[in-house]
Amino acid sequence: MASRKRGRLIDGVLLLDKPEGLSSNHALQRARRAMDARKAGHTGTLDPFATGLLICCFGRATKLSTRLLEADKTYLATLELGVETDSGDLTGDVVHDVRSTMERVTEQAFMDVLPAFRGTIEQIPPMHSALKKDGKPLYYYARKGIEVARPPRQITIHQLALVGIEGTQAQIMVHASKGTYIRTLAQDIGRSLGCGAHLSALRRTQVGPFHIDQAITLEALQALTMPESALLSLDNLPDGLQLPGYSTNKETQA
């Protein structure tokens, strides 16, 4: 006899503020266990070093995953100027470091290179990514020191602004379409500045209509007596995210 599936049937959307140091799947599984939910999935991976908005869908809400994966996203990204890594972020090996000899990058110099990255542009995906070549993810080749040709992909950066510069660190705000690699953007900006750069911190602040201000931390979720109370119900989702046959009109449901 087949064993019964474990967990409760719970429907809804959780806006989780993912902490640093956890993979997106580990954060999702901790949230799922806190609610003893049977079925769950997230809608867009954040690297372990990144923080911010991770949308977790439970039960019937998992049908929304594709729509949310397609959504535009907004980030606060910190660039370390003068240092480039092979991965484009702080987890990689340093391949270029001119911090000891570089001139200070001014706010004006930084802002002068940003227009080239706004609008619809082409971006070459990084080797350290899950995109596949001959059935294997690119990071498989990268770990073996093999670089393969990657065709550029078209992305749209709706907004790109400098938040501030302090020393060799610059923080930018990026509102971009799906498929945008922020670490590649950081690397390309560094190259345009002539000093190189890598992504040293990343925080996702918005996915589609959802904002980080609406999110709950994993610690706060686990402390709730009824953690499922943190879920957005299926009849309380923004326009465009309703499931077929699931009306948001309370009167039609009565």
Protein backbone atom coordinates (compact mmCIF):
# COMPACT_ATOMS: atom_id res chain seq x y z
CA MET A 1 0.00 0.00 0.00
CA ALA A 2 1.35 3.41 -0.94
CA SER A 3 2.16 5.68 1.99
CA ARG A 4 0.07 8.79 2.50
CA LYS A 5 1.58 12.08 1.52
CA ARG A 6 2.72 14.06 4.53
CA GLY A 7 1.62 17.58 5.33
CA ARG A 8 -1.54 19.63 5.18
CA LEU A 9 -3.28 20.89 2.08
CA ILE A 10 -2.69 24.64 2.35
CA ASP A 11 -3.32 27.17 -0.44
CA GLY A 12 -1.78 30.63 -0.57
CA VAL A 13 1.21 32.84 -1.35
CA LEU A 14 3.94 33.63 1.16
CA LEU A 15 6.09 36.72 0.69
CA LEU A 16 9.30 35.66 2.42
CA ASP A 17 12.30 37.86 3.18
CA LYS A 18 15.04 35.31 2.48
CA PRO A 19 18.01 35.57 4.82
CA GLU A 20 21.64 35.52 3.74
CA GLY A 21 23.33 32.12 3.77
CA LEU A 22 20.38 29.95 2.75
CA SER A 23 19.59 28.69 -0.72
CA SER A 24 16.14 29.57 -2.01
CA ASN A 25 15.07 25.93 -1.73
CA HIS A 26 16.29 25.62 1.86
CA ALA A 27 14.36 28.78 2.79
CA LEU A 28 11.26 27.42 1.07
CA GLN A 29 11.52 24.06 2.84
CA ARG A 30 11.86 25.74 6.23
CA ALA A 31 8.74 27.77 5.53
CA ARG A 32 6.92 24.65 4.34
CA ARG A 33 7.86 22.75 7.50
CA ALA A 34 6.77 25.66 9.70
CA MET A 35 3.28 25.34 8.21
CA ASP A 36 3.38 21.56 7.78
CA ALA A 37 2.32 22.16 4.18
CA ARG A 38 2.23 19.34 1.65
CA LYS A 39 2.95 21.16 -1.61
CA ALA A 40 5.12 24.24 -2.13
CA GLY A 41 7.37 25.92 -4.67
CA HIS A 42 9.19 29.24 -5.12
CA THR A 43 9.16 31.56 -8.12
CA GLY A 44 12.67 32.71 -8.83
CA THR A 45 15.96 31.66 -7.26
CA LEU A 46 18.14 33.94 -5.15
CA ASP A 47 21.76 32.93 -4.60
CA PRO A 48 22.63 31.98 -1.00
CA PHE A 49 24.52 35.26 -0.44
CA ALA A 50 21.52 37.30 -1.65
CA THR A 51 18.60 38.40 0.50
CA GLY A 52 15.13 39.73 -0.07
CA LEU A 53 11.81 38.86 -1.61
CA LEU A 54 11.26 35.17 -2.29
CA ILE A 55 7.71 34.36 -3.34
CA CYS A 56 6.66 30.94 -2.08
CA CYS A 57 3.49 29.35 -3.43
CA PHE A 58 1.56 26.67 -1.54
CA GLY A 59 -1.02 24.18 -2.78
CA ARG A 60 -3.08 25.47 -5.69
CA ALA A 61 -1.05 28.69 -5.71
CA THR A 62 1.86 26.76 -7.27
CA LYS A 63 -0.05 27.20 -10.55
CA LEU A 64 1.02 30.86 -10.39
CA SER A 65 4.72 29.99 -10.56
CA THR A 66 5.11 30.49 -14.31
CA ARG A 67 3.42 33.90 -14.27
CA LEU A 68 5.60 35.12 -11.43
CA LEU A 69 8.76 33.78 -13.03
CA GLU A 70 7.91 35.99 -16.02
CA ALA A 71 7.50 39.10 -13.85
CA ASP A 72 9.87 42.07 -13.75
CA LYS A 73 12.05 42.30 -10.66
CA THR A 74 13.76 45.08 -8.71
CA TYR A 75 17.05 44.84 -6.82
CA LEU A 76 19.44 46.84 -4.69
CA ALA A 77 22.89 45.70 -5.76
CA THR A 78 26.28 46.53 -4.26
CA LEU A 79 29.29 46.58 -6.56
CA GLU A 80 32.89 46.26 -5.38
CA LEU A 81 34.83 48.45 -7.78
CA GLY A 82 38.34 47.57 -8.91
CA VAL A 83 37.95 43.80 -8.50
CA GLU A 84 36.59 41.36 -11.07
CA THR A 85 35.91 37.69 -10.32
CA ASP A 86 35.42 34.73 -12.63
CA SER A 87 31.80 34.33 -11.47
CA GLY A 88 30.94 38.03 -11.47
CA ASP A 89 30.12 37.95 -7.74
CA LEU A 90 31.81 37.58 -4.36
CA THR A 91 31.77 33.77 -4.51
CA GLY A 92 34.22 33.61 -7.40
CA ASP A 93 38.00 33.72 -7.70
CA VAL A 94 39.61 37.12 -8.26
CA VAL A 95 40.92 37.52 -11.81
CA HIS A 96 41.59 41.28 -11.77
CA ASP A 97 42.34 43.60 -8.84
CA VAL A 98 43.43 47.22 -9.32
CA ARG A 99 42.13 48.71 -6.06
CA SER A 100 45.62 49.66 -4.90
CA THR A 101 46.33 51.72 -8.03
CA MET A 102 42.93 52.81 -9.35
CA GLU A 103 41.73 56.38 -9.17
CA ARG A 104 38.61 57.08 -7.16
CA VAL A 105 35.43 56.59 -9.21
CA THR A 106 33.28 59.69 -8.88
CA GLU A 107 29.50 59.71 -8.84
CA GLN A 108 29.50 61.60 -12.13
CA ALA A 109 31.81 59.10 -13.82
CA PHE A 110 29.60 56.26 -12.62
CA MET A 111 26.39 57.93 -13.78
CA ASP A 112 27.95 58.67 -17.17
CA VAL A 113 28.20 54.94 -18.02
CA LEU A 114 24.69 53.97 -16.90
CA PRO A 115 22.69 55.16 -19.95
CA ALA A 116 24.30 52.44 -22.09
CA PHE A 117 22.69 49.81 -19.86
CA ARG A 118 19.15 51.20 -19.80
CA GLY A 119 16.38 50.03 -22.09
CA THR A 120 16.50 46.90 -24.25
CA ILE A 121 20.06 45.59 -24.40
CA GLU A 122 21.91 42.35 -25.07
CA GLN A 123 23.57 40.48 -22.23
CA ILE A 124 25.85 37.44 -22.42
CA PRO A 125 24.84 34.95 -19.71
CA PRO A 126 27.58 34.08 -17.21
CA MET A 127 29.38 30.74 -17.25
CA HIS A 128 28.37 30.28 -13.61
CA SER A 129 24.67 29.79 -14.39
CA ALA A 130 22.14 26.99 -14.77
CA LEU A 131 21.58 27.59 -18.49
CA LYS A 132 22.32 24.40 -20.39
CA LYS A 133 24.75 23.52 -23.16
CA ASP A 134 24.51 19.99 -24.63
CA GLY A 135 22.33 18.93 -21.71
CA LYS A 136 24.70 20.16 -18.99
CA PRO A 137 24.43 23.43 -17.01
CA LEU A 138 27.04 26.05 -17.81
CA TYR A 139 28.40 25.90 -14.26
CA TYR A 140 29.41 22.26 -14.98
CA TYR A 141 31.84 23.53 -17.63
CA ALA A 142 32.90 26.52 -15.52
CA ARG A 143 33.96 24.25 -12.65
CA LYS A 144 36.18 22.34 -15.08
CA GLY A 145 37.74 25.56 -16.35
CA ILE A 146 36.03 25.23 -19.72
CA GLU A 147 34.48 28.31 -21.32
CA VAL A 148 31.83 27.75 -23.97
CA ALA A 149 30.29 30.22 -26.39
CA ARG A 150 27.05 31.75 -25.11
CA PRO A 151 24.81 33.68 -27.48
CA PRO A 152 23.71 37.06 -26.10
CA ARG A 153 20.16 37.32 -24.83
CA GLN A 154 17.89 40.34 -25.08
CA ILE A 155 16.79 41.82 -21.76
CA THR A 156 15.16 45.08 -20.71
CA ILE A 157 16.39 47.27 -17.90
CA HIS A 158 13.51 49.59 -17.13
CA GLN A 159 15.30 51.59 -14.43
CA LEU A 160 18.94 51.81 -13.42
CA ALA A 161 20.07 54.40 -10.90
CA LEU A 162 23.06 55.05 -8.68
CA VAL A 163 22.09 55.08 -5.02
CA GLY A 164 25.52 56.11 -3.80
CA ILE A 165 29.29 55.49 -3.74
CA GLU A 166 31.45 55.08 -0.66
CA GLY A 167 35.08 54.15 -1.16
CA THR A 168 35.24 51.29 -3.63
CA GLN A 169 31.61 50.28 -3.13
CA ALA A 170 28.74 51.53 -5.25
CA GLN A 171 25.07 50.70 -4.72
CA ILE A 172 22.62 50.69 -7.61
CA MET A 173 18.89 50.16 -8.02
CA VAL A 174 17.90 47.91 -10.92
CA HIS A 175 14.38 47.26 -12.24
CA ALA A 176 14.70 44.66 -14.98
CA SER A 177 12.93 42.03 -17.01
CA LYS A 178 13.16 38.31 -16.38
CA GLY A 179 16.42 36.68 -17.39
CA THR A 180 18.60 39.61 -16.28
CA TYR A 181 21.80 38.56 -14.52
CA ILE A 182 22.67 41.27 -12.02
CA ARG A 183 26.19 39.93 -11.52
CA THR A 184 26.79 40.22 -15.26
CA LEU A 185 25.43 43.76 -15.18
CA ALA A 186 27.83 44.58 -12.33
CA GLN A 187 30.74 43.11 -14.28
CA ASP A 188 29.82 44.99 -17.46
CA ILE A 189 29.47 48.30 -15.59
CA GLY A 190 32.90 47.76 -14.05
CA ARG A 191 34.43 47.16 -17.44
CA SER A 192 32.80 50.31 -18.81
CA LEU A 193 34.35 52.25 -15.93
CA GLY A 194 37.73 50.77 -16.83
CA CYS A 195 38.41 49.40 -13.37
CA GLY A 196 36.36 46.19 -13.24
CA ALA A 197 33.76 45.27 -10.62
CA HIS A 198 31.89 42.37 -9.11
CA LEU A 199 28.60 41.95 -7.26
CA SER A 200 29.33 41.94 -3.52
CA ALA A 201 25.75 42.06 -2.17
CA LEU A 202 22.24 41.74 -3.58
CA ARG A 203 18.78 42.34 -2.17
CA ARG A 204 15.61 41.72 -4.18
CA THR A 205 12.98 44.30 -3.27
CA GLN A 206 10.14 43.65 -5.72
CA VAL A 207 8.69 40.89 -7.90
CA GLY A 208 5.80 41.97 -10.11
CA PRO A 209 3.19 43.58 -7.83
CA PHE A 210 4.79 42.31 -4.60
CA HIS A 211 7.19 44.42 -2.51
CA ILE A 212 9.68 43.52 0.21
CA ASP A 213 7.75 45.74 2.67
CA GLN A 214 4.98 43.10 2.57
CA ALA A 215 7.34 40.22 3.37
CA ILE A 216 7.93 38.33 6.60
CA THR A 217 11.28 37.01 7.80
CA LEU A 218 11.79 33.29 8.25
CA GLU A 219 12.48 33.81 11.95
CA ALA A 220 9.22 35.73 12.43
CA LEU A 221 7.28 33.12 10.45
CA GLN A 222 8.63 30.26 12.56
CA ALA A 223 7.71 32.13 15.74
CA LEU A 224 4.01 32.41 14.80
CA THR A 225 1.52 30.15 16.54
CA MET A 226 -0.35 29.88 13.23
CA PRO A 227 2.27 30.55 10.54
CA GLU A 228 -0.30 29.94 7.78
CA SER A 229 -1.85 33.26 8.84
CA ALA A 230 1.04 34.95 6.97
CA LEU A 231 -0.22 33.61 3.63
CA LEU A 232 -2.02 35.71 1.05
CA SER A 233 -5.18 33.82 0.22
CA LEU A 234 -6.09 32.95 -3.36
CA ASP A 235 -9.02 35.39 -3.26
CA ASN A 236 -6.78 38.24 -2.09
CA LEU A 237 -4.21 38.36 -4.89
CA PRO A 238 -3.48 41.37 -7.13
CA ASP A 239 -5.19 41.74 -10.50
CA GLY A 240 -3.75 39.41 -13.10
CA LEU A 241 -2.81 36.69 -10.64
CA GLN A 242 -6.20 35.12 -10.04
CA LEU A 243 -6.47 31.43 -10.82
CA PRO A 244 -9.03 30.33 -13.43
CA GLY A 245 -12.35 29.71 -11.73
CA TYR A 246 -11.23 31.54 -8.60
CA SER A 247 -12.98 34.92 -8.41
CA THR A 248 -11.78 37.76 -6.20
CA ASN A 249 -15.30 39.12 -6.07
CA LYS A 250 -16.67 38.17 -2.69
CA GLU A 251 -20.26 38.56 -3.82
CA THR A 252 -19.86 36.07 -6.69
CA GLN A 253 -18.36 33.57 -4.26
CA ALA A 254 -21.26 33.88 -1.80
